[in-house]
Amino acid sequence: MSKARHIVIWIGGLALLAATLVDTFAVIGRHIGLPLTGSIELMQAVVLVSGSIGLVVATWDLSHARVRIVVERLSPAARRVADVLSDLLTLAFVLALLAGSVWLSADLWNGHEQSELVGVPWLVLRLIANVCLFACAVLLAARLVRPSQRDPA
Protein backbone atom coordinates (compact mmCIF):
# COMPACT_ATOMS: atom_id res chain seq x y z
CA MET A 1 0.00 0.00 0.00
CA SER A 2 1.43 3.38 -0.98
CA LYS A 3 2.04 5.97 1.69
CA ALA A 4 -0.36 8.48 0.04
CA ARG A 5 -3.17 5.92 -0.06
CA HIS A 6 -2.48 4.98 3.54
CA ILE A 7 -2.72 8.64 4.62
CA VAL A 8 -5.96 9.16 2.67
CA ILE A 9 -7.53 6.11 4.30
CA TRP A 10 -6.49 7.34 7.75
CA ILE A 11 -8.01 10.79 7.11
CA GLY A 12 -11.30 9.20 6.02
CA GLY A 13 -11.24 6.86 9.02
CA LEU A 14 -10.58 9.72 11.43
CA ALA A 15 -13.51 11.62 9.90
CA LEU A 16 -15.75 8.60 10.56
CA LEU A 17 -14.49 8.42 14.14
CA ALA A 18 -15.21 12.15 14.53
CA ALA A 19 -18.75 11.58 13.26
CA THR A 20 -19.21 8.79 15.78
CA LEU A 21 -17.90 10.96 18.62
CA VAL A 22 -20.09 13.92 17.68
CA ASP A 23 -23.20 11.78 17.47
CA THR A 24 -22.37 9.95 20.70
CA PHE A 25 -21.88 13.18 22.63
CA ALA A 26 -25.04 14.64 21.10
CA VAL A 27 -27.16 11.64 22.17
CA ILE A 28 -25.65 11.55 25.66
CA GLY A 29 -26.07 15.31 25.97
CA ARG A 30 -29.75 15.14 25.02
CA HIS A 31 -30.38 12.47 27.65
CA ILE A 32 -28.62 14.29 30.48
CA GLY A 33 -30.02 17.70 29.58
CA LEU A 34 -26.87 19.20 27.99
CA PRO A 35 -27.50 19.08 24.23
CA LEU A 36 -24.55 19.53 21.88
CA THR A 37 -25.40 22.66 19.93
CA GLY A 38 -24.74 22.30 16.21
CA SER A 39 -24.18 18.55 16.25
CA ILE A 40 -26.08 18.11 12.97
CA GLU A 41 -23.91 20.74 11.26
CA LEU A 42 -20.76 19.02 12.50
CA MET A 43 -22.09 15.66 11.34
CA GLN A 44 -22.76 17.08 7.86
CA ALA A 45 -19.17 18.31 7.65
CA VAL A 46 -17.48 15.10 8.76
CA VAL A 47 -19.78 12.90 6.66
CA LEU A 48 -18.93 14.98 3.59
CA VAL A 49 -15.21 14.52 4.27
CA SER A 50 -15.45 10.78 4.95
CA GLY A 51 -17.82 10.15 2.03
CA SER A 52 -15.70 12.12 -0.42
CA ILE A 53 -12.56 10.31 0.66
CA GLY A 54 -14.44 7.01 0.45
CA LEU A 55 -15.25 7.74 -3.21
CA VAL A 56 -11.59 8.45 -3.95
CA VAL A 57 -10.41 5.27 -2.22
CA ALA A 58 -13.07 3.15 -3.96
CA THR A 59 -12.02 4.59 -7.32
CA TRP A 60 -8.34 4.08 -6.51
CA ASP A 61 -8.89 0.46 -5.45
CA LEU A 62 -11.31 -0.42 -8.30
CA SER A 63 -13.84 -1.39 -5.64
CA HIS A 64 -17.02 0.41 -6.68
CA ALA A 65 -20.16 -1.68 -6.48
CA ARG A 66 -20.74 -3.73 -9.63
CA VAL A 67 -23.41 -6.09 -10.86
CA ARG A 68 -21.12 -9.04 -11.50
CA ILE A 69 -23.91 -11.48 -12.30
CA VAL A 70 -24.10 -9.99 -15.82
CA VAL A 71 -20.43 -9.11 -16.36
CA GLU A 72 -19.14 -12.53 -15.31
CA ARG A 73 -21.21 -14.22 -18.04
CA LEU A 74 -19.59 -12.18 -20.82
CA SER A 75 -16.69 -13.35 -22.93
CA PRO A 76 -13.31 -11.79 -22.08
CA ALA A 77 -13.53 -9.41 -25.06
CA ALA A 78 -17.08 -8.34 -24.19
CA ARG A 79 -16.06 -7.95 -20.56
CA ARG A 80 -13.26 -5.55 -21.56
CA VAL A 81 -15.75 -3.52 -23.61
CA ALA A 82 -18.20 -3.47 -20.69
CA ASP A 83 -15.41 -2.36 -18.34
CA VAL A 84 -14.40 0.49 -20.64
CA LEU A 85 -18.02 1.59 -21.10
CA SER A 86 -18.53 1.41 -17.33
CA ASP A 87 -15.47 3.58 -16.75
CA LEU A 88 -16.57 6.05 -19.43
CA LEU A 89 -20.06 6.39 -17.95
CA THR A 90 -18.65 6.73 -14.44
CA LEU A 91 -16.20 9.37 -15.65
CA ALA A 92 -19.02 11.28 -17.39
CA PHE A 93 -21.09 11.16 -14.20
CA VAL A 94 -18.20 12.31 -11.99
CA LEU A 95 -17.36 15.13 -14.44
CA ALA A 96 -21.01 16.25 -14.41
CA LEU A 97 -21.00 16.30 -10.61
CA LEU A 98 -17.70 18.18 -10.63
CA ALA A 99 -18.96 20.73 -13.15
CA GLY A 100 -22.06 21.44 -11.06
CA SER A 101 -20.08 21.62 -7.85
CA VAL A 102 -17.48 23.96 -9.35
CA TRP A 103 -20.27 26.11 -10.75
CA LEU A 104 -21.86 26.40 -7.29
CA SER A 105 -18.50 27.13 -5.70
CA ALA A 106 -17.72 29.86 -8.23
CA ASP A 107 -21.19 31.38 -7.94
CA LEU A 108 -21.05 31.49 -4.13
CA TRP A 109 -17.30 32.18 -3.77
CA ASN A 110 -17.80 35.58 -2.10
CA GLY A 111 -20.99 34.57 -0.32
CA HIS A 112 -19.30 33.98 3.06
CA GLU A 113 -21.65 31.08 3.71
CA GLN A 114 -21.44 29.29 7.00
CA SER A 115 -23.66 27.12 9.12
CA GLU A 116 -26.03 28.91 11.46
CA LEU A 117 -25.07 27.53 14.85
CA VAL A 118 -21.42 26.48 14.76
CA GLY A 119 -20.19 28.52 11.79
CA VAL A 120 -18.87 25.69 9.60
CA PRO A 121 -17.61 27.35 6.39
CA TRP A 122 -19.43 25.75 3.46
CA LEU A 123 -16.81 27.01 0.99
CA VAL A 124 -14.17 24.77 2.56
CA LEU A 125 -16.48 21.77 2.34
CA ARG A 126 -17.25 22.55 -1.31
CA LEU A 127 -13.51 22.71 -2.02
CA ILE A 128 -12.98 19.33 -0.35
CA ALA A 129 -15.79 17.82 -2.43
CA ASN A 130 -14.39 19.38 -5.62
CA VAL A 131 -10.86 18.10 -4.94
CA CYS A 132 -12.17 14.59 -4.27
CA LEU A 133 -14.36 14.59 -7.40
CA PHE A 134 -11.39 15.82 -9.44
CA ALA A 135 -9.22 13.04 -7.98
CA CYS A 136 -11.86 10.46 -8.94
CA ALA A 137 -11.99 11.88 -12.47
CA VAL A 138 -8.20 11.72 -12.79
CA LEU A 139 -8.10 8.12 -11.53
CA LEU A 140 -10.86 7.08 -13.95
CA ALA A 141 -9.19 8.86 -16.87
CA ALA A 142 -5.86 7.19 -16.03
CA ARG A 143 -7.59 3.82 -16.03
CA LEU A 144 -9.03 4.52 -19.49
CA VAL A 145 -5.65 5.63 -20.84
CA ARG A 146 -3.73 2.72 -19.27
CA PRO A 147 -5.89 -0.41 -19.40
CA SER A 148 -3.24 -2.31 -17.42
CA GLN A 149 -4.71 -0.61 -14.31
CA ARG A 150 -8.02 -2.37 -14.94
CA ASP A 151 -9.38 -5.07 -12.66
CA PRO A 152 -8.31 -8.45 -14.12
CA ALA A 153 -11.41 -10.21 -12.74
C-alpha atoms as a PDB file:
ATOM      1  CA  MET A   1       0.000   0.000   0.000  1.00  0.00           C
ATOM      2  CA  SER A   2       1.427   3.376  -0.982  1.00  0.00           C
ATOM      3  CA  LYS A   3       2.037   5.972   1.690  1.00  0.00           C
ATOM      4  CA  ALA A   4      -0.361   8.483   0.041  1.00  0.00           C
ATOM      5  CA  ARG A   5      -3.173   5.917  -0.061  1.00  0.00           C
ATOM      6  CA  HIS A   6      -2.479   4.979   3.538  1.00  0.00           C
ATOM      7  CA  ILE A   7      -2.719   8.645   4.618  1.00  0.00           C
ATOM      8  CA  VAL A   8      -5.958   9.162   2.667  1.00  0.00           C
ATOM      9  CA  ILE A   9      -7.529   6.106   4.300  1.00  0.00           C
ATOM     10  CA  TRP A  10      -6.488   7.343   7.752  1.00  0.00           C
ATOM     11  CA  ILE A  11      -8.009  10.790   7.109  1.00  0.00           C
ATOM     12  CA  GLY A  12     -11.300   9.204   6.024  1.00  0.00           C
ATOM     13  CA  GLY A  13     -11.244   6.863   9.016  1.00  0.00           C
ATOM     14  CA  LEU A  14     -10.584   9.719  11.426  1.00  0.00           C
ATOM     15  CA  ALA A  15     -13.513  11.619   9.900  1.00  0.00           C
ATOM     16  CA  LEU A  16     -15.752   8.602  10.563  1.00  0.00           C
ATOM     17  CA  LEU A  17     -14.494   8.425  14.135  1.00  0.00           C
ATOM     18  CA  ALA A  18     -15.205  12.148  14.529  1.00  0.00           C
ATOM     19  CA  ALA A  19     -18.752  11.580  13.255  1.00  0.00           C
ATOM     20  CA  THR A  20     -19.208   8.789  15.785  1.00  0.00           C
ATOM     21  CA  LEU A  21     -17.904  10.958  18.623  1.00  0.00           C
ATOM     22  CA  VAL A  22     -20.088  13.923  17.677  1.00  0.00           C
ATOM     23  CA  ASP A  23     -23.198  11.779  17.471  1.00  0.00           C
ATOM     24  CA  THR A  24     -22.371   9.948  20.698  1.00  0.00           C
ATOM     25  CA  PHE A  25     -21.877  13.180  22.631  1.00  0.00           C
ATOM     26  CA  ALA A  26     -25.041  14.635  21.097  1.00  0.00           C
ATOM     27  CA  VAL A  27     -27.155  11.640  22.170  1.00  0.00           C
ATOM     28  CA  ILE A  28     -25.651  11.548  25.659  1.00  0.00           C
ATOM     29  CA  GLY A  29     -26.073  15.310  25.970  1.00  0.00           C
ATOM     30  CA  ARG A  30     -29.755  15.140  25.021  1.00  0.00           C
ATOM     31  CA  HIS A  31     -30.383  12.469  27.648  1.00  0.00           C
ATOM     32  CA  ILE A  32     -28.616  14.292  30.476  1.00  0.00           C
ATOM     33  CA  GLY A  33     -30.020  17.702  29.579  1.00  0.00           C
ATOM     34  CA  LEU A  34     -26.874  19.195  27.986  1.00  0.00           C
ATOM     35  CA  PRO A  35     -27.503  19.078  24.227  1.00  0.00           C
ATOM     36  CA  LEU A  36     -24.548  19.526  21.882  1.00  0.00           C
ATOM     37  CA  THR A  37     -25.401  22.658  19.926  1.00  0.00           C
ATOM     38  CA  GLY A  38     -24.737  22.303  16.210  1.00  0.00           C
ATOM     39  CA  SER A  39     -24.182  18.550  16.246  1.00  0.00           C
ATOM     40  CA  ILE A  40     -26.084  18.111  12.970  1.00  0.00           C
ATOM     41  CA  GLU A  41     -23.908  20.739  11.262  1.00  0.00           C
ATOM     42  CA  LEU A  42     -20.762  19.019  12.504  1.00  0.00           C
ATOM     43  CA  MET A  43     -22.090  15.659  11.337  1.00  0.00           C
ATOM     44  CA  GLN A  44     -22.760  17.079   7.864  1.00  0.00           C
ATOM     45  CA  ALA A  45     -19.168  18.309   7.650  1.00  0.00           C
ATOM     46  CA  VAL A  46     -17.476  15.097   8.756  1.00  0.00           C
ATOM     47  CA  VAL A  47     -19.785  12.896   6.662  1.00  0.00           C
ATOM     48  CA  LEU A  48     -18.929  14.978   3.586  1.00  0.00           C
ATOM     49  CA  VAL A  49     -15.213  14.515   4.274  1.00  0.00           C
ATOM     50  CA  SER A  50     -15.448  10.778   4.952  1.00  0.00           C
ATOM     51  CA  GLY A  51     -17.815  10.146   2.029  1.00  0.00           C
ATOM     52  CA  SER A  52     -15.700  12.117  -0.421  1.00  0.00           C
ATOM     53  CA  ILE A  53     -12.561  10.308   0.661  1.00  0.00           C
ATOM     54  CA  GLY A  54     -14.438   7.012   0.453  1.00  0.00           C
ATOM     55  CA  LEU A  55     -15.246   7.738  -3.212  1.00  0.00           C
ATOM     56  CA  VAL A  56     -11.589   8.448  -3.947  1.00  0.00           C
ATOM     57  CA  VAL A  57     -10.408   5.268  -2.224  1.00  0.00           C
ATOM     58  CA  ALA A  58     -13.074   3.151  -3.964  1.00  0.00           C
ATOM     59  CA  THR A  59     -12.020   4.587  -7.325  1.00  0.00           C
ATOM     60  CA  TRP A  60      -8.343   4.080  -6.506  1.00  0.00           C
ATOM     61  CA  ASP A  61      -8.886   0.457  -5.453  1.00  0.00           C
ATOM     62  CA  LEU A  62     -11.307  -0.417  -8.296  1.00  0.00           C
ATOM     63  CA  SER A  63     -13.840  -1.386  -5.644  1.00  0.00           C
ATOM     64  CA  HIS A  64     -17.016   0.415  -6.679  1.00  0.00           C
ATOM     65  CA  ALA A  65     -20.165  -1.678  -6.485  1.00  0.00           C
ATOM     66  CA  ARG A  66     -20.737  -3.733  -9.631  1.00  0.00           C
ATOM     67  CA  VAL A  67     -23.407  -6.086 -10.862  1.00  0.00           C
ATOM     68  CA  ARG A  68     -21.120  -9.039 -11.499  1.00  0.00           C
ATOM     69  CA  ILE A  69     -23.909 -11.476 -12.302  1.00  0.00           C
ATOM     70  CA  VAL A  70     -24.095  -9.992 -15.816  1.00  0.00           C
ATOM     71  CA  VAL A  71     -20.431  -9.108 -16.359  1.00  0.00           C
ATOM     72  CA  GLU A  72     -19.144 -12.525 -15.309  1.00  0.00           C
ATOM     73  CA  ARG A  73     -21.212 -14.221 -18.042  1.00  0.00           C
ATOM     74  CA  LEU A  74     -19.591 -12.180 -20.820  1.00  0.00           C
ATOM     75  CA  SER A  75     -16.692 -13.347 -22.929  1.00  0.00           C
ATOM     76  CA  PRO A  76     -13.307 -11.791 -22.082  1.00  0.00           C
ATOM     77  CA  ALA A  77     -13.529  -9.410 -25.062  1.00  0.00           C
ATOM     78  CA  ALA A  78     -17.076  -8.336 -24.194  1.00  0.00           C
ATOM     79  CA  ARG A  79     -16.057  -7.948 -20.558  1.00  0.00           C
ATOM     80  CA  ARG A  80     -13.257  -5.550 -21.561  1.00  0.00           C
ATOM     81  CA  VAL A  81     -15.752  -3.516 -23.613  1.00  0.00           C
ATOM     82  CA  ALA A  82     -18.196  -3.471 -20.691  1.00  0.00           C
ATOM     83  CA  ASP A  83     -15.414  -2.361 -18.339  1.00  0.00           C
ATOM     84  CA  VAL A  84     -14.398   0.489 -20.643  1.00  0.00           C
ATOM     85  CA  LEU A  85     -18.018   1.586 -21.096  1.00  0.00           C
ATOM     86  CA  SER A  86     -18.530   1.413 -17.331  1.00  0.00           C
ATOM     87  CA  ASP A  87     -15.466   3.581 -16.746  1.00  0.00           C
ATOM     88  CA  LEU A  88     -16.571   6.051 -19.433  1.00  0.00           C
ATOM     89  CA  LEU A  89     -20.056   6.389 -17.951  1.00  0.00           C
ATOM     90  CA  THR A  90     -18.649   6.725 -14.443  1.00  0.00           C
ATOM     91  CA  LEU A  91     -16.201   9.370 -15.654  1.00  0.00           C
ATOM     92  CA  ALA A  92     -19.019  11.279 -17.387  1.00  0.00           C
ATOM     93  CA  PHE A  93     -21.092  11.157 -14.198  1.00  0.00           C
ATOM     94  CA  VAL A  94     -18.195  12.314 -11.994  1.00  0.00           C
ATOM     95  CA  LEU A  95     -17.361  15.125 -14.438  1.00  0.00           C
ATOM     96  CA  ALA A  96     -21.014  16.252 -14.410  1.00  0.00           C
ATOM     97  CA  LEU A  97     -21.005  16.300 -10.611  1.00  0.00           C
ATOM     98  CA  LEU A  98     -17.696  18.176 -10.631  1.00  0.00           C
ATOM     99  CA  ALA A  99     -18.965  20.728 -13.153  1.00  0.00           C
ATOM    100  CA  GLY A 100     -22.057  21.435 -11.059  1.00  0.00           C
ATOM    101  CA  SER A 101     -20.083  21.619  -7.850  1.00  0.00           C
ATOM    102  CA  VAL A 102     -17.476  23.960  -9.348  1.00  0.00           C
ATOM    103  CA  TRP A 103     -20.272  26.115 -10.745  1.00  0.00           C
ATOM    104  CA  LEU A 104     -21.864  26.401  -7.291  1.00  0.00           C
ATOM    105  CA  SER A 105     -18.501  27.133  -5.702  1.00  0.00           C
ATOM    106  CA  ALA A 106     -17.719  29.860  -8.226  1.00  0.00           C
ATOM    107  CA  ASP A 107     -21.189  31.384  -7.942  1.00  0.00           C
ATOM    108  CA  LEU A 108     -21.046  31.487  -4.134  1.00  0.00           C
ATOM    109  CA  TRP A 109     -17.301  32.179  -3.770  1.00  0.00           C
ATOM    110  CA  ASN A 110     -17.804  35.582  -2.104  1.00  0.00           C
ATOM    111  CA  GLY A 111     -20.991  34.568  -0.316  1.00  0.00           C
ATOM    112  CA  HIS A 112     -19.303  33.985   3.063  1.00  0.00           C
ATOM    113  CA  GLU A 113     -21.655  31.080   3.707  1.00  0.00           C
ATOM    114  CA  GLN A 114     -21.441  29.293   7.004  1.00  0.00           C
ATOM    115  CA  SER A 115     -23.655  27.115   9.119  1.00  0.00           C
ATOM    116  CA  GLU A 116     -26.028  28.914  11.460  1.00  0.00           C
ATOM    117  CA  LEU A 117     -25.066  27.530  14.855  1.00  0.00           C
ATOM    118  CA  VAL A 118     -21.420  26.485  14.755  1.00  0.00           C
ATOM    119  CA  GLY A 119     -20.188  28.515  11.794  1.00  0.00           C
ATOM    120  CA  VAL A 120     -18.871  25.685   9.604  1.00  0.00           C
ATOM    121  CA  PRO A 121     -17.611  27.353   6.394  1.00  0.00           C
ATOM    122  CA  TRP A 122     -19.426  25.753   3.461  1.00  0.00           C
ATOM    123  CA  LEU A 123     -16.806  27.014   0.992  1.00  0.00           C
ATOM    124  CA  VAL A 124     -14.170  24.774   2.565  1.00  0.00           C
ATOM    125  CA  LEU A 125     -16.477  21.769   2.343  1.00  0.00           C
ATOM    126  CA  ARG A 126     -17.249  22.546  -1.314  1.00  0.00           C
ATOM    127  CA  LEU A 127     -13.509  22.714  -2.019  1.00  0.00           C
ATOM    128  CA  ILE A 128     -12.984  19.327  -0.346  1.00  0.00           C
ATOM    129  CA  ALA A 129     -15.793  17.821  -2.431  1.00  0.00           C
ATOM    130  CA  ASN A 130     -14.390  19.383  -5.621  1.00  0.00           C
ATOM    131  CA  VAL A 131     -10.864  18.105  -4.941  1.00  0.00           C
ATOM    132  CA  CYS A 132     -12.171  14.587  -4.272  1.00  0.00           C
ATOM    133  CA  LEU A 133     -14.360  14.594  -7.401  1.00  0.00           C
ATOM    134  CA  PHE A 134     -11.394  15.822  -9.438  1.00  0.00           C
ATOM    135  CA  ALA A 135      -9.219  13.041  -7.977  1.00  0.00           C
ATOM    136  CA  CYS A 136     -11.863  10.464  -8.943  1.00  0.00           C
ATOM    137  CA  ALA A 137     -11.988  11.878 -12.472  1.00  0.00           C
ATOM    138  CA  VAL A 138      -8.196  11.715 -12.787  1.00  0.00           C
ATOM    139  CA  LEU A 139      -8.102   8.122 -11.529  1.00  0.00           C
ATOM    140  CA  LEU A 140     -10.856   7.075 -13.949  1.00  0.00           C
ATOM    141  CA  ALA A 141      -9.186   8.858 -16.874  1.00  0.00           C
ATOM    142  CA  ALA A 142      -5.860   7.191 -16.030  1.00  0.00           C
ATOM    143  CA  ARG A 143      -7.594   3.816 -16.027  1.00  0.00           C
ATOM    144  CA  LEU A 144      -9.032   4.523 -19.486  1.00  0.00           C
ATOM    145  CA  VAL A 145      -5.649   5.625 -20.836  1.00  0.00           C
ATOM    146  CA  ARG A 146      -3.730   2.720 -19.270  1.00  0.00           C
ATOM    147  CA  PRO A 147      -5.890  -0.409 -19.400  1.00  0.00           C
ATOM    148  CA  SER A 148      -3.235  -2.307 -17.415  1.00  0.00           C
ATOM    149  CA  GLN A 149      -4.708  -0.608 -14.314  1.00  0.00           C
ATOM    150  CA  ARG A 150      -8.018  -2.369 -14.936  1.00  0.00           C
ATOM    151  CA  ASP A 151      -9.383  -5.069 -12.659  1.00  0.00           C
ATOM    152  CA  PRO A 152      -8.308  -8.447 -14.115  1.00  0.00           C
ATOM    153  CA  ALA A 153     -11.406 -10.210 -12.737  1.00  0.00           C
END
